[in-house]
Amino acid sequence: MMLTISFKARREDKEITLMLDNEQTIGGTIRILREAGIFSVDTAFVRSIRTKERIPIKNTYLESHIYNGDILILE
């Protein structure tokens, strides 16, 4: 299932919204964004604005209960 997720990097004051497969890993998405030069932050966790919880980037969006419209903060 496709999700629309926003990523924010606090240190870089950047935000991007993407459509992603819910079975993709969060870390895979972050790696692609770093390789594309969109974010330069290197992180092991993201924080969901909705749940306020830290989420390991090795999880998929489905495993982490990330839903359409969620915003993830790169820490």
C-alpha atoms as a PDB file:
ATOM      1  CA  MET A   1       0.000   0.000   0.000  1.00  0.00           C
ATOM      2  CA  MET A   2       1.293   3.465  -0.826  1.00  0.00           C
ATOM      3  CA  LEU A   3       1.662   6.141   1.863  1.00  0.00           C
ATOM      4  CA  THR A   4       2.326   9.858   1.691  1.00  0.00           C
ATOM      5  CA  ILE A   5       4.898  10.691   4.388  1.00  0.00           C
ATOM      6  CA  SER A   6       6.739  13.922   5.203  1.00  0.00           C
ATOM      7  CA  PHE A   7      10.305  13.991   6.496  1.00  0.00           C
ATOM      8  CA  LYS A   8      11.806  16.946   8.375  1.00  0.00           C
ATOM      9  CA  ALA A   9      15.392  17.510   9.457  1.00  0.00           C
ATOM     10  CA  ARG A  10      15.561  19.894  12.404  1.00  0.00           C
ATOM     11  CA  ARG A  11      19.233  20.761  12.006  1.00  0.00           C
ATOM     12  CA  GLU A  12      18.873  21.519   8.289  1.00  0.00           C
ATOM     13  CA  ASP A  13      15.428  23.176   8.398  1.00  0.00           C
ATOM     14  CA  LYS A  14      14.317  21.101   5.387  1.00  0.00           C
ATOM     15  CA  GLU A  15      11.146  19.155   4.648  1.00  0.00           C
ATOM     16  CA  ILE A  16      10.148  16.768   1.864  1.00  0.00           C
ATOM     17  CA  THR A  17       6.939  14.839   1.215  1.00  0.00           C
ATOM     18  CA  LEU A  18       7.125  11.473  -0.568  1.00  0.00           C
ATOM     19  CA  MET A  19       4.869   8.633  -1.683  1.00  0.00           C
ATOM     20  CA  LEU A  20       6.307   5.340  -0.384  1.00  0.00           C
ATOM     21  CA  ASP A  21       5.436   1.670  -0.131  1.00  0.00           C
ATOM     22  CA  ASN A  22       4.528   0.747   3.459  1.00  0.00           C
ATOM     23  CA  GLU A  23       6.815  -2.320   3.283  1.00  0.00           C
ATOM     24  CA  GLN A  24       9.910  -0.239   2.503  1.00  0.00           C
ATOM     25  CA  THR A  25      12.335   0.359   5.360  1.00  0.00           C
ATOM     26  CA  ILE A  26      12.610   3.821   6.848  1.00  0.00           C
ATOM     27  CA  GLY A  27      16.405   3.550   6.670  1.00  0.00           C
ATOM     28  CA  GLY A  28      16.228   2.761   2.951  1.00  0.00           C
ATOM     29  CA  THR A  29      14.290   5.950   2.344  1.00  0.00           C
ATOM     30  CA  ILE A  30      16.714   8.036   4.415  1.00  0.00           C
ATOM     31  CA  ARG A  31      19.700   6.510   2.596  1.00  0.00           C
ATOM     32  CA  ILE A  32      18.208   7.462  -0.785  1.00  0.00           C
ATOM     33  CA  LEU A  33      17.482  11.007   0.424  1.00  0.00           C
ATOM     34  CA  ARG A  34      21.081  11.368   1.666  1.00  0.00           C
ATOM     35  CA  GLU A  35      22.521   9.982  -1.587  1.00  0.00           C
ATOM     36  CA  ALA A  36      20.364  12.433  -3.549  1.00  0.00           C
ATOM     37  CA  GLY A  37      21.740  15.316  -1.441  1.00  0.00           C
ATOM     38  CA  ILE A  38      18.361  16.233   0.020  1.00  0.00           C
ATOM     39  CA  PHE A  39      19.385  15.556   3.639  1.00  0.00           C
ATOM     40  CA  SER A  40      22.893  15.268   5.031  1.00  0.00           C
ATOM     41  CA  VAL A  41      21.954  14.143   8.543  1.00  0.00           C
ATOM     42  CA  ASP A  42      23.100  10.650   9.582  1.00  0.00           C
ATOM     43  CA  THR A  43      20.599   9.153  12.002  1.00  0.00           C
ATOM     44  CA  ALA A  44      19.672   5.853  13.641  1.00  0.00           C
ATOM     45  CA  PHE A  45      16.199   6.994  14.721  1.00  0.00           C
ATOM     46  CA  VAL A  46      13.315   9.123  13.542  1.00  0.00           C
ATOM     47  CA  ARG A  47      10.571  10.562  15.709  1.00  0.00           C
ATOM     48  CA  SER A  48       6.910  10.499  14.731  1.00  0.00           C
ATOM     49  CA  ILE A  49       5.153  13.795  15.360  1.00  0.00           C
ATOM     50  CA  ARG A  50       1.829  11.959  15.760  1.00  0.00           C
ATOM     51  CA  THR A  51       2.965   9.429  18.384  1.00  0.00           C
ATOM     52  CA  LYS A  52       5.975  11.359  19.753  1.00  0.00           C
ATOM     53  CA  GLU A  53       7.907   8.042  19.796  1.00  0.00           C
ATOM     54  CA  ARG A  54      11.394   7.273  18.500  1.00  0.00           C
ATOM     55  CA  ILE A  55      11.356   4.700  15.713  1.00  0.00           C
ATOM     56  CA  PRO A  56      14.382   2.603  14.661  1.00  0.00           C
ATOM     57  CA  ILE A  57      15.126   3.170  10.978  1.00  0.00           C
ATOM     58  CA  LYS A  58      15.621  -0.550  10.332  1.00  0.00           C
ATOM     59  CA  ASN A  59      11.830  -1.011  10.667  1.00  0.00           C
ATOM     60  CA  THR A  60       9.382  -0.787   7.782  1.00  0.00           C
ATOM     61  CA  TYR A  61       6.621   1.814   7.825  1.00  0.00           C
ATOM     62  CA  LEU A  62       4.110  -0.993   8.388  1.00  0.00           C
ATOM     63  CA  GLU A  63       6.058  -2.427  11.377  1.00  0.00           C
ATOM     64  CA  SER A  64       6.365   1.044  12.892  1.00  0.00           C
ATOM     65  CA  HIS A  65       2.675   1.867  12.494  1.00  0.00           C
ATOM     66  CA  ILE A  66       3.410   4.849  10.268  1.00  0.00           C
ATOM     67  CA  TYR A  67       0.286   5.938   8.432  1.00  0.00           C
ATOM     68  CA  ASN A  68      -0.656   8.147   5.513  1.00  0.00           C
ATOM     69  CA  GLY A  69       0.026  11.801   6.342  1.00  0.00           C
ATOM     70  CA  ASP A  70       2.483  11.143   9.196  1.00  0.00           C
ATOM     71  CA  ILE A  71       5.463  13.434   9.656  1.00  0.00           C
ATOM     72  CA  LEU A  72       8.810  11.965  10.689  1.00  0.00           C
ATOM     73  CA  ILE A  73      11.593  14.058  12.231  1.00  0.00           C
ATOM     74  CA  LEU A  74      15.191  13.038  11.500  1.00  0.00           C
ATOM     75  CA  GLU A  75      17.142  13.215  14.766  1.00  0.00           C
END
